[in-house]
PDB file of N, CA and C in Angstrom:
ATOM      1  N   MET A   1      14.286  -7.563 -22.467  1.00  0.00           N
ATOM      2  CA  MET A   1      12.903  -7.620 -21.896  1.00  0.00           C
ATOM      3  C   MET A   1      13.090  -7.956 -20.305  1.00  0.00           C
ATOM      4  N   SER A   2      12.402  -7.158 -19.536  1.00  0.00           N
ATOM      5  CA  SER A   2      12.477  -7.375 -18.061  1.00  0.00           C
ATOM      6  C   SER A   2      11.575  -8.391 -17.617  1.00  0.00           C
ATOM      7  N   TYR A   3      11.700  -8.992 -16.408  1.00  0.00           N
ATOM      8  CA  TYR A   3      10.748  -9.963 -15.933  1.00  0.00           C
ATOM      9  C   TYR A   3       9.469  -9.410 -15.731  1.00  0.00           C
ATOM     10  N   ALA A   4       9.318  -8.156 -15.370  1.00  0.00           N
ATOM     11  CA  ALA A   4       7.960  -7.527 -15.152  1.00  0.00           C
ATOM     12  C   ALA A   4       7.205  -7.547 -16.472  1.00  0.00           C
ATOM     13  N   SER A   5       7.704  -6.978 -17.556  1.00  0.00           N
ATOM     14  CA  SER A   5       7.134  -6.996 -18.856  1.00  0.00           C
ATOM     15  C   SER A   5       6.813  -8.459 -19.287  1.00  0.00           C
ATOM     16  N   GLY A   6       7.653  -9.335 -19.186  1.00  0.00           N
ATOM     17  CA  GLY A   6       7.309 -10.690 -19.555  1.00  0.00           C
ATOM     18  C   GLY A   6       6.114 -11.280 -18.860  1.00  0.00           C
ATOM     19  N   ILE A   7       6.084 -11.067 -17.601  1.00  0.00           N
ATOM     20  CA  ILE A   7       4.871 -11.577 -16.841  1.00  0.00           C
ATOM     21  C   ILE A   7       3.546 -10.745 -17.247  1.00  0.00           C
ATOM     22  N   ASN A   8       3.717  -9.479 -17.324  1.00  0.00           N
ATOM     23  CA  ASN A   8       2.607  -8.621 -17.634  1.00  0.00           C
ATOM     24  C   ASN A   8       2.015  -8.843 -18.856  1.00  0.00           C
ATOM     25  N   SER A   9       2.895  -9.301 -19.915  1.00  0.00           N
ATOM     26  CA  SER A   9       2.395  -9.653 -21.318  1.00  0.00           C
ATOM     27  C   SER A   9       1.554 -10.990 -21.266  1.00  0.00           C
ATOM     28  N   LEU A  10       1.832 -11.817 -20.222  1.00  0.00           N
ATOM     29  CA  LEU A  10       1.008 -13.002 -20.289  1.00  0.00           C
ATOM     30  C   LEU A  10      -0.383 -12.895 -19.692  1.00  0.00           C
ATOM     31  N   GLN A  11      -0.683 -11.857 -18.856  1.00  0.00           N
ATOM     32  CA  GLN A  11      -1.936 -11.528 -18.333  1.00  0.00           C
ATOM     33  C   GLN A  11      -3.216 -11.694 -19.138  1.00  0.00           C
ATOM     34  N   PRO A  12      -3.127 -11.060 -20.402  1.00  0.00           N
ATOM     35  CA  PRO A  12      -4.349 -11.132 -21.520  1.00  0.00           C
ATOM     36  C   PRO A  12      -4.526 -12.648 -21.886  1.00  0.00           C
ATOM     37  N   THR A  13      -3.434 -13.311 -22.018  1.00  0.00           N
ATOM     38  CA  THR A  13      -3.647 -14.644 -22.423  1.00  0.00           C
ATOM     39  C   THR A  13      -4.267 -15.558 -21.290  1.00  0.00           C
ATOM     40  N   ILE A  14      -3.821 -15.328 -20.054  1.00  0.00           N
ATOM     41  CA  ILE A  14      -4.245 -16.030 -18.931  1.00  0.00           C
ATOM     42  C   ILE A  14      -5.804 -15.674 -18.716  1.00  0.00           C
ATOM     43  N   ASN A  15      -6.134 -14.318 -18.942  1.00  0.00           N
ATOM     44  CA  ASN A  15      -7.542 -13.923 -18.648  1.00  0.00           C
ATOM     45  C   ASN A  15      -8.362 -14.613 -19.694  1.00  0.00           C
ATOM     46  N   SER A  16      -7.928 -14.754 -21.069  1.00  0.00           N
ATOM     47  CA  SER A  16      -8.742 -15.432 -21.931  1.00  0.00           C
ATOM     48  C   SER A  16      -9.037 -16.951 -21.593  1.00  0.00           C
ATOM     49  N   VAL A  17      -7.904 -17.609 -21.120  1.00  0.00           N
ATOM     50  CA  VAL A  17      -7.934 -18.991 -20.719  1.00  0.00           C
ATOM     51  C   VAL A  17      -8.959 -19.207 -19.673  1.00  0.00           C
ATOM     52  N   THR A  18      -8.922 -18.150 -18.675  1.00  0.00           N
ATOM     53  CA  THR A  18      -9.692 -18.322 -17.540  1.00  0.00           C
ATOM     54  C   THR A  18     -11.187 -18.165 -17.934  1.00  0.00           C
ATOM     55  N   SER A  19     -11.557 -17.136 -18.713  1.00  0.00           N
ATOM     56  CA  SER A  19     -12.897 -16.908 -19.112  1.00  0.00           C
ATOM     57  C   SER A  19     -13.369 -18.105 -19.976  1.00  0.00           C
ATOM     58  N   SER A  20     -12.608 -18.618 -20.941  1.00  0.00           N
ATOM     59  CA  SER A  20     -13.010 -19.929 -21.655  1.00  0.00           C
ATOM     60  C   SER A  20     -13.035 -21.122 -20.749  1.00  0.00           C
ATOM     61  N   GLN A  21     -12.483 -21.175 -19.681  1.00  0.00           N
ATOM     62  CA  GLN A  21     -12.517 -22.288 -18.790  1.00  0.00           C
ATOM     63  C   GLN A  21     -13.887 -22.426 -18.153  1.00  0.00           C
ATOM     64  N   ALA A  22     -14.725 -21.487 -18.155  1.00  0.00           N
ATOM     65  CA  ALA A  22     -16.075 -21.521 -17.559  1.00  0.00           C
ATOM     66  C   ALA A  22     -17.013 -22.359 -18.487  1.00  0.00           C
ATOM     67  N   ASN A  23     -16.638 -22.391 -19.774  1.00  0.00           N
ATOM     68  CA  ASN A  23     -17.487 -23.217 -20.648  1.00  0.00           C
ATOM     69  C   ASN A  23     -16.991 -24.572 -20.760  1.00  0.00           C
ATOM     70  N   PRO A  24     -17.627 -25.571 -20.319  1.00  0.00           N
ATOM     71  CA  PRO A  24     -17.217 -26.909 -20.253  1.00  0.00           C
ATOM     72  C   PRO A  24     -17.212 -27.371 -21.744  1.00  0.00           C
ATOM     73  N   ALA A  25     -16.216 -28.640 -21.808  1.00  0.00           N
ATOM     74  CA  ALA A  25     -16.050 -29.101 -23.099  1.00  0.00           C
ATOM     75  C   ALA A  25     -17.288 -29.899 -23.533  1.00  0.00           C
ATOM     76  N   THR A  26     -17.644 -29.858 -24.705  1.00  0.00           N
ATOM     77  CA  THR A  26     -18.795 -30.527 -25.317  1.00  0.00           C
ATOM     78  C   THR A  26     -18.339 -31.631 -26.314  1.00  0.00           C
ATOM     79  N   GLN A  27     -19.307 -32.729 -26.452  1.00  0.00           N
ATOM     80  CA  GLN A  27     -18.960 -33.670 -27.340  1.00  0.00           C
ATOM     81  C   GLN A  27     -19.798 -33.365 -28.605  1.00  0.00           C
ATOM     82  N   VAL A  28     -19.259 -33.363 -29.837  1.00  0.00           N
ATOM     83  CA  VAL A  28     -20.082 -33.002 -30.980  1.00  0.00           C
ATOM     84  C   VAL A  28     -19.970 -34.411 -31.854  1.00  0.00           C
ATOM     85  N   SER A  29     -21.109 -34.807 -32.296  1.00  0.00           N
ATOM     86  CA  SER A  29     -21.157 -36.063 -33.145  1.00  0.00           C
ATOM     87  C   SER A  29     -21.216 -35.657 -34.661  1.00  0.00           C
ATOM     88  N   ALA A  30     -20.304 -36.416 -35.480  1.00  0.00           N
ATOM     89  CA  ALA A  30     -20.393 -36.099 -36.865  1.00  0.00           C
ATOM     90  C   ALA A  30     -21.534 -36.655 -37.495  1.00  0.00           C
ATOM     91  N   PRO A  31     -22.043 -36.215 -38.573  1.00  0.00           N
ATOM     92  CA  PRO A  31     -23.269 -36.880 -39.237  1.00  0.00           C
ATOM     93  C   PRO A  31     -22.892 -38.246 -39.751  1.00  0.00           C
ATOM     94  N   ASP A  32     -23.962 -39.044 -39.886  1.00  0.00           N
ATOM     95  CA  ASP A  32     -23.571 -40.531 -40.266  1.00  0.00           C
ATOM     96  C   ASP A  32     -22.986 -40.547 -41.634  1.00  0.00           C
ATOM     97  N   SER A  33     -23.443 -39.677 -42.591  1.00  0.00           N
ATOM     98  CA  SER A  33     -22.780 -39.557 -43.711  1.00  0.00           C
ATOM     99  C   SER A  33     -22.528 -38.246 -44.340  1.00  0.00           C
ATOM    100  N   VAL A  34     -21.526 -37.968 -45.175  1.00  0.00           N
ATOM    101  CA  VAL A  34     -21.232 -36.695 -45.660  1.00  0.00           C
ATOM    102  C   VAL A  34     -21.275 -36.833 -47.199  1.00  0.00           C
ATOM    103  N   SER A  35     -22.062 -36.102 -47.829  1.00  0.00           N
ATOM    104  CA  SER A  35     -22.172 -36.167 -49.228  1.00  0.00           C
ATOM    105  C   SER A  35     -21.404 -34.869 -49.847  1.00  0.00           C
ATOM    106  N   GLY A  36     -20.627 -35.101 -50.878  1.00  0.00           N
ATOM    107  CA  GLY A  36     -19.923 -34.037 -51.649  1.00  0.00           C
ATOM    108  C   GLY A  36     -20.043 -34.220 -52.986  1.00  0.00           C
ATOM    109  N   ALA A  37     -19.218 -33.529 -53.789  1.00  0.00           N
ATOM    110  CA  ALA A  37     -19.159 -33.521 -55.101  1.00  0.00           C
ATOM    111  C   ALA A  37     -18.692 -35.034 -55.612  1.00  0.00           C
ATOM    112  N   SER A  38     -18.072 -35.697 -54.953  1.00  0.00           N
ATOM    113  CA  SER A  38     -17.544 -36.981 -55.440  1.00  0.00           C
ATOM    114  C   SER A  38     -18.311 -38.122 -54.927  1.00  0.00           C
ATOM    115  N   GLY A  39     -19.482 -37.824 -54.201  1.00  0.00           N
ATOM    116  CA  GLY A  39     -20.338 -39.007 -53.639  1.00  0.00           C
ATOM    117  C   GLY A  39     -20.528 -38.847 -52.272  1.00  0.00           C
ATOM    118  N   SER A  40     -20.694 -39.837 -51.476  1.00  0.00           N
ATOM    119  CA  SER A  40     -20.881 -39.771 -50.071  1.00  0.00           C
ATOM    120  C   SER A  40     -19.849 -40.718 -49.358  1.00  0.00           C
ATOM    121  N   VAL A  41     -19.444 -40.345 -48.156  1.00  0.00           N
ATOM    122  CA  VAL A  41     -18.686 -41.037 -47.274  1.00  0.00           C
ATOM    123  C   VAL A  41     -19.278 -41.427 -46.066  1.00  0.00           C
ATOM    124  N   ALA A  42     -19.290 -42.609 -45.771  1.00  0.00           N
ATOM    125  CA  ALA A  42     -19.972 -43.038 -44.475  1.00  0.00           C
ATOM    126  C   ALA A  42     -18.968 -42.898 -43.348  1.00  0.00           C
ATOM    127  N   ASN A  43     -19.459 -42.235 -42.188  1.00  0.00           N
ATOM    128  CA  ASN A  43     -18.790 -42.327 -41.008  1.00  0.00           C
ATOM    129  C   ASN A  43     -19.376 -43.370 -40.056  1.00  0.00           C
ATOM    130  N   VAL A  44     -18.589 -44.208 -39.591  1.00  0.00           N
ATOM    131  CA  VAL A  44     -19.057 -45.405 -38.850  1.00  0.00           C
ATOM    132  C   VAL A  44     -18.686 -45.117 -37.314  1.00  0.00           C
ATOM    133  N   GLY A  45     -19.679 -44.565 -36.522  1.00  0.00           N
ATOM    134  CA  GLY A  45     -19.470 -44.408 -35.147  1.00  0.00           C
ATOM    135  C   GLY A  45     -18.278 -43.495 -34.868  1.00  0.00           C
ATOM    136  N   GLN A  46     -17.812 -42.607 -35.594  1.00  0.00           N
ATOM    137  CA  GLN A  46     -16.724 -41.738 -35.317  1.00  0.00           C
ATOM    138  C   GLN A  46     -17.337 -40.402 -34.640  1.00  0.00           C
ATOM    139  N   VAL A  47     -16.614 -40.032 -33.679  1.00  0.00           N
ATOM    140  CA  VAL A  47     -17.081 -38.831 -32.893  1.00  0.00           C
ATOM    141  C   VAL A  47     -15.811 -38.055 -32.658  1.00  0.00           C
ATOM    142  N   ASP A  48     -16.121 -36.622 -32.960  1.00  0.00           N
ATOM    143  CA  ASP A  48     -15.048 -35.654 -32.604  1.00  0.00           C
ATOM    144  C   ASP A  48     -15.131 -35.190 -31.142  1.00  0.00           C
ATOM    145  N   GLN A  49     -14.113 -35.109 -30.390  1.00  0.00           N
ATOM    146  CA  GLN A  49     -14.143 -34.451 -29.069  1.00  0.00           C
ATOM    147  C   GLN A  49     -12.918 -33.837 -28.671  1.00  0.00           C
ATOM    148  N   ALA A  50     -13.052 -32.891 -27.643  1.00  0.00           N
ATOM    149  CA  ALA A  50     -12.001 -32.130 -27.183  1.00  0.00           C
ATOM    150  C   ALA A  50     -11.958 -32.219 -25.774  1.00  0.00           C
ATOM    151  N   ASN A  51     -10.857 -32.480 -25.201  1.00  0.00           N
ATOM    152  CA  ASN A  51     -10.642 -32.516 -23.737  1.00  0.00           C
ATOM    153  C   ASN A  51      -9.574 -31.346 -23.321  1.00  0.00           C
ATOM    154  N   LEU A  52     -10.115 -30.551 -22.432  1.00  0.00           N
ATOM    155  CA  LEU A  52      -9.466 -29.311 -21.985  1.00  0.00           C
ATOM    156  C   LEU A  52      -9.067 -29.486 -20.566  1.00  0.00           C
ATOM    157  N   SER A  53      -7.834 -29.196 -20.269  1.00  0.00           N
ATOM    158  CA  SER A  53      -7.357 -29.274 -18.914  1.00  0.00           C
ATOM    159  C   SER A  53      -7.673 -28.051 -18.124  1.00  0.00           C
ATOM    160  N   SER A  54      -7.411 -28.149 -16.766  1.00  0.00           N
ATOM    161  CA  SER A  54      -7.674 -26.955 -15.904  1.00  0.00           C
ATOM    162  C   SER A  54      -6.434 -26.191 -15.637  1.00  0.00           C
ATOM    163  N   THR A  55      -5.415 -26.499 -16.464  1.00  0.00           N
ATOM    164  CA  THR A  55      -3.995 -25.809 -16.160  1.00  0.00           C
ATOM    165  C   THR A  55      -4.192 -24.445 -16.263  1.00  0.00           C
ATOM    166  N   GLY A  56      -4.875 -23.788 -17.304  1.00  0.00           N
ATOM    167  CA  GLY A  56      -4.993 -22.436 -17.485  1.00  0.00           C
ATOM    168  C   GLY A  56      -5.530 -21.771 -16.324  1.00  0.00           C
ATOM    169  N   GLY A  57      -6.638 -22.376 -15.632  1.00  0.00           N
ATOM    170  CA  GLY A  57      -7.202 -21.776 -14.373  1.00  0.00           C
ATOM    171  C   GLY A  57      -6.248 -21.873 -13.158  1.00  0.00           C
ATOM    172  N   LEU A  58      -5.469 -22.891 -13.121  1.00  0.00           N
ATOM    173  CA  LEU A  58      -4.397 -22.944 -12.097  1.00  0.00           C
ATOM    174  C   LEU A  58      -3.471 -21.820 -12.215  1.00  0.00           C
ATOM    175  N   VAL A  59      -2.964 -21.548 -13.448  1.00  0.00           N
ATOM    176  CA  VAL A  59      -1.927 -20.561 -13.658  1.00  0.00           C
ATOM    177  C   VAL A  59      -2.582 -19.101 -13.372  1.00  0.00           C
ATOM    178  N   ALA A  60      -3.749 -18.955 -13.778  1.00  0.00           N
ATOM    179  CA  ALA A  60      -4.475 -17.763 -13.405  1.00  0.00           C
ATOM    180  C   ALA A  60      -4.497 -17.451 -12.015  1.00  0.00           C
ATOM    181  N   GLN A  61      -4.947 -18.428 -11.249  1.00  0.00           N
ATOM    182  CA  GLN A  61      -5.008 -18.393  -9.819  1.00  0.00           C
ATOM    183  C   GLN A  61      -3.705 -18.147  -9.077  1.00  0.00           C
ATOM    184  N   ALA A  62      -2.596 -18.742  -9.539  1.00  0.00           N
ATOM    185  CA  ALA A  62      -1.309 -18.582  -9.084  1.00  0.00           C
ATOM    186  C   ALA A  62      -0.712 -17.128  -9.228  1.00  0.00           C
ATOM    187  N   LEU A  63      -1.179 -16.605 -10.429  1.00  0.00           N
ATOM    188  CA  LEU A  63      -0.608 -15.125 -10.862  1.00  0.00           C
ATOM    189  C   LEU A  63      -1.501 -14.016 -10.023  1.00  0.00           C
ATOM    190  N   GLU A  64      -2.771 -14.446  -9.762  1.00  0.00           N
ATOM    191  CA  GLU A  64      -3.457 -13.293  -9.114  1.00  0.00           C
ATOM    192  C   GLU A  64      -3.003 -13.038  -7.589  1.00  0.00           C
ATOM    193  N   GLY A  65      -2.747 -14.121  -6.804  1.00  0.00           N
ATOM    194  CA  GLY A  65      -2.046 -14.061  -5.552  1.00  0.00           C
ATOM    195  C   GLY A  65      -2.654 -13.144  -4.640  1.00  0.00           C
ATOM    196  N   SER A  66      -2.010 -12.819  -3.557  1.00  0.00           N
ATOM    197  CA  SER A  66      -2.666 -11.810  -2.603  1.00  0.00           C
ATOM    198  C   SER A  66      -2.074 -10.383  -2.802  1.00  0.00           C
ATOM    199  N   ASP A  67      -2.734  -9.426  -2.369  1.00  0.00           N
ATOM    200  CA  ASP A  67      -2.166  -8.125  -2.505  1.00  0.00           C
ATOM    201  C   ASP A  67      -0.928  -7.841  -1.911  1.00  0.00           C
ATOM    202  N   ALA A  68      -0.584  -8.315  -0.725  1.00  0.00           N
ATOM    203  CA  ALA A  68       0.577  -8.145  -0.044  1.00  0.00           C
ATOM    204  C   ALA A  68       1.695  -8.669  -0.780  1.00  0.00           C
ATOM    205  N   ARG A  69       1.635  -9.830  -1.326  1.00  0.00           N
ATOM    206  CA  ARG A  69       2.656 -10.311  -2.143  1.00  0.00           C
ATOM    207  C   ARG A  69       2.899  -9.629  -3.504  1.00  0.00           C
ATOM    208  N   SER A  70       1.859  -9.169  -4.129  1.00  0.00           N
ATOM    209  CA  SER A  70       1.925  -8.275  -5.327  1.00  0.00           C
ATOM    210  C   SER A  70       2.575  -6.969  -5.026  1.00  0.00           C
ATOM    211  N   ALA A  71       2.253  -6.328  -3.894  1.00  0.00           N
ATOM    212  CA  ALA A  71       2.978  -5.085  -3.435  1.00  0.00           C
ATOM    213  C   ALA A  71       4.439  -5.232  -3.169  1.00  0.00           C
ATOM    214  N   LYS A  72       4.786  -6.429  -2.516  1.00  0.00           N
ATOM    215  CA  LYS A  72       6.185  -6.629  -2.305  1.00  0.00           C
ATOM    216  C   LYS A  72       6.983  -6.938  -3.511  1.00  0.00           C
ATOM    217  N   VAL A  73       6.396  -7.650  -4.473  1.00  0.00           N
ATOM    218  CA  VAL A  73       7.062  -7.896  -5.821  1.00  0.00           C
ATOM    219  C   VAL A  73       7.085  -6.504  -6.548  1.00  0.00           C
ATOM    220  N   ALA A  74       6.174  -5.821  -6.552  1.00  0.00           N
ATOM    221  CA  ALA A  74       6.159  -4.432  -7.251  1.00  0.00           C
ATOM    222  C   ALA A  74       7.262  -3.654  -6.777  1.00  0.00           C
ATOM    223  N   SER A  75       7.440  -3.571  -5.326  1.00  0.00           N
ATOM    224  CA  SER A  75       8.496  -2.696  -4.821  1.00  0.00           C
ATOM    225  C   SER A  75       9.844  -3.151  -5.070  1.00  0.00           C
ATOM    226  N   LEU A  76       9.956  -4.478  -5.043  1.00  0.00           N
ATOM    227  CA  LEU A  76      11.284  -5.102  -5.360  1.00  0.00           C
ATOM    228  C   LEU A  76      11.611  -4.782  -6.987  1.00  0.00           C
ATOM    229  N   GLN A  77      10.652  -4.946  -7.803  1.00  0.00           N
ATOM    230  CA  GLN A  77      10.907  -4.497  -9.262  1.00  0.00           C
ATOM    231  C   GLN A  77      11.357  -3.168  -9.308  1.00  0.00           C
ATOM    232  N   GLN A  78      10.714  -2.260  -8.658  1.00  0.00           N
ATOM    233  CA  GLN A  78      11.102  -0.816  -8.834  1.00  0.00           C
ATOM    234  C   GLN A  78      12.533  -0.575  -8.255  1.00  0.00           C
ATOM    235  N   ALA A  79      12.939  -1.274  -7.029  1.00  0.00           N
ATOM    236  CA  ALA A  79      14.231  -1.157  -6.584  1.00  0.00           C
ATOM    237  C   ALA A  79      15.301  -1.709  -7.527  1.00  0.00           C
ATOM    238  N   ILE A  80      14.895  -2.814  -8.184  1.00  0.00           N
ATOM    239  CA  ILE A  80      15.819  -3.431  -9.209  1.00  0.00           C
ATOM    240  C   ILE A  80      16.032  -2.610 -10.375  1.00  0.00           C
ATOM    241  N   ALA A  81      14.776  -2.073 -10.965  1.00  0.00           N
ATOM    242  CA  ALA A  81      14.974  -1.124 -11.997  1.00  0.00           C
ATOM    243  C   ALA A  81      15.700   0.126 -11.823  1.00  0.00           C
ATOM    244  N   ALA A  82      15.549   0.634 -10.516  1.00  0.00           N
ATOM    245  CA  ALA A  82      16.310   1.887 -10.232  1.00  0.00           C
ATOM    246  C   ALA A  82      17.817   1.612  -9.794  1.00  0.00           C
ATOM    247  N   GLY A  83      18.142   0.521  -9.746  1.00  0.00           N
ATOM    248  CA  GLY A  83      19.467   0.088  -9.307  1.00  0.00           C
ATOM    249  C   GLY A  83      19.745   0.214  -7.724  1.00  0.00           C
ATOM    250  N   ASN A  84      18.698   0.251  -7.049  1.00  0.00           N
ATOM    251  CA  ASN A  84      18.866   0.451  -5.601  1.00  0.00           C
ATOM    252  C   ASN A  84      18.761  -0.929  -4.957  1.00  0.00           C
ATOM    253  N   TYR A  85      18.535  -1.969  -5.490  1.00  0.00           N
ATOM    254  CA  TYR A  85      18.448  -3.292  -4.805  1.00  0.00           C
ATOM    255  C   TYR A  85      19.893  -3.847  -4.611  1.00  0.00           C
ATOM    256  N   ILE A  86      20.318  -4.093  -3.498  1.00  0.00           N
ATOM    257  CA  ILE A  86      21.632  -4.732  -3.341  1.00  0.00           C
ATOM    258  C   ILE A  86      21.567  -5.983  -2.453  1.00  0.00           C
ATOM    259  N   VAL A  87      21.990  -7.016  -2.953  1.00  0.00           N
ATOM    260  CA  VAL A  87      22.093  -8.297  -2.385  1.00  0.00           C
ATOM    261  C   VAL A  87      23.459  -8.566  -1.859  1.00  0.00           C
ATOM    262  N   SER A  88      23.454  -8.958  -0.627  1.00  0.00           N
ATOM    263  CA  SER A  88      24.784  -9.421  -0.007  1.00  0.00           C
ATOM    264  C   SER A  88      25.326 -10.704  -0.503  1.00  0.00           C
ATOM    265  N   SER A  89      26.594 -10.831  -1.099  1.00  0.00           N
ATOM    266  CA  SER A  89      26.896 -11.991  -1.845  1.00  0.00           C
ATOM    267  C   SER A  89      27.214 -13.058  -0.702  1.00  0.00           C
ATOM    268  N   SER A  90      27.521 -12.720   0.679  1.00  0.00           N
ATOM    269  CA  SER A  90      27.604 -13.743   1.664  1.00  0.00           C
ATOM    270  C   SER A  90      26.191 -14.253   1.914  1.00  0.00           C
ATOM    271  N   ASN A  91      25.044 -13.532   1.862  1.00  0.00           N
ATOM    272  CA  ASN A  91      23.728 -13.998   2.080  1.00  0.00           C
ATOM    273  C   ASN A  91      23.440 -14.998   1.081  1.00  0.00           C
ATOM    274  N   VAL A  92      23.730 -14.679  -0.063  1.00  0.00           N
ATOM    275  CA  VAL A  92      23.373 -15.677  -1.321  1.00  0.00           C
ATOM    276  C   VAL A  92      24.224 -16.896  -1.040  1.00  0.00           C
ATOM    277  N   ALA A  93      25.535 -16.819  -0.773  1.00  0.00           N
ATOM    278  CA  ALA A  93      26.310 -17.956  -0.615  1.00  0.00           C
ATOM    279  C   ALA A  93      25.715 -18.920   0.584  1.00  0.00           C
ATOM    280  N   ASP A  94      25.192 -18.211   1.618  1.00  0.00           N
ATOM    281  CA  ASP A  94      24.809 -19.036   2.738  1.00  0.00           C
ATOM    282  C   ASP A  94      23.429 -19.732   2.332  1.00  0.00           C
ATOM    283  N   LYS A  95      22.549 -19.138   1.651  1.00  0.00           N
ATOM    284  CA  LYS A  95      21.372 -19.832   1.170  1.00  0.00           C
ATOM    285  C   LYS A  95      21.644 -20.870   0.232  1.00  0.00           C
ATOM    286  N   ILE A  96      22.588 -20.659  -0.621  1.00  0.00           N
ATOM    287  CA  ILE A  96      22.983 -21.853  -1.668  1.00  0.00           C
ATOM    288  C   ILE A  96      23.470 -22.925  -0.823  1.00  0.00           C
ATOM    289  N   ILE A  97      24.291 -22.712   0.095  1.00  0.00           N
ATOM    290  CA  ILE A  97      24.873 -23.909   0.986  1.00  0.00           C
ATOM    291  C   ILE A  97      23.821 -24.445   1.811  1.00  0.00           C
ATOM    292  N   GLN A  98      22.978 -23.764   2.399  1.00  0.00           N
ATOM    293  CA  GLN A  98      21.846 -24.301   3.154  1.00  0.00           C
ATOM    294  C   GLN A  98      20.896 -25.151   2.290  1.00  0.00           C
ATOM    295  N   SER A  99      20.677 -24.789   1.260  1.00  0.00           N
ATOM    296  CA  SER A  99      19.718 -25.418   0.229  1.00  0.00           C
ATOM    297  C   SER A  99      20.429 -26.765  -0.250  1.00  0.00           C
ATOM    298  N   LEU A 100      21.727 -26.785  -0.299  1.00  0.00           N
ATOM    299  CA  LEU A 100      22.373 -27.910  -0.803  1.00  0.00           C
ATOM    300  C   LEU A 100      22.445 -28.929   0.281  1.00  0.00           C
ATOM    301  N   LEU A 101      22.742 -28.451   1.432  1.00  0.00           N
ATOM    302  CA  LEU A 101      22.821 -29.346   2.848  1.00  0.00           C
ATOM    303  C   LEU A 101      21.525 -29.926   3.237  1.00  0.00           C
ATOM    304  N   GLY A 102      20.388 -29.260   2.939  1.00  0.00           N
ATOM    305  CA  GLY A 102      19.403 -29.908   3.585  1.00  0.00           C
ATOM    306  C   GLY A 102      18.129 -29.320   3.593  1.00  0.00           C
TER     307      GLY A 102
END
């Protein structure tokens, strides 16, 4: 699997999280008593609730990005897939040393 197909496969999931993010979490109270075949069970002040984070929205915003960045990433992906993208090993070594030193 390439990086491009891995990221692109996440887009539908992120879109569904983003669309569901618009609906705020609601608090639902359980009934005071529940009756069934074996009798009734009393719920004393119990409440079901769900708390949703905004992480899904943040991920979606990060993936949308600007058009310039997306175009650059797409051109790099094409170059890598075609085998035309060449990285100088000395440039990579320089960047590694710079990141370790400071």
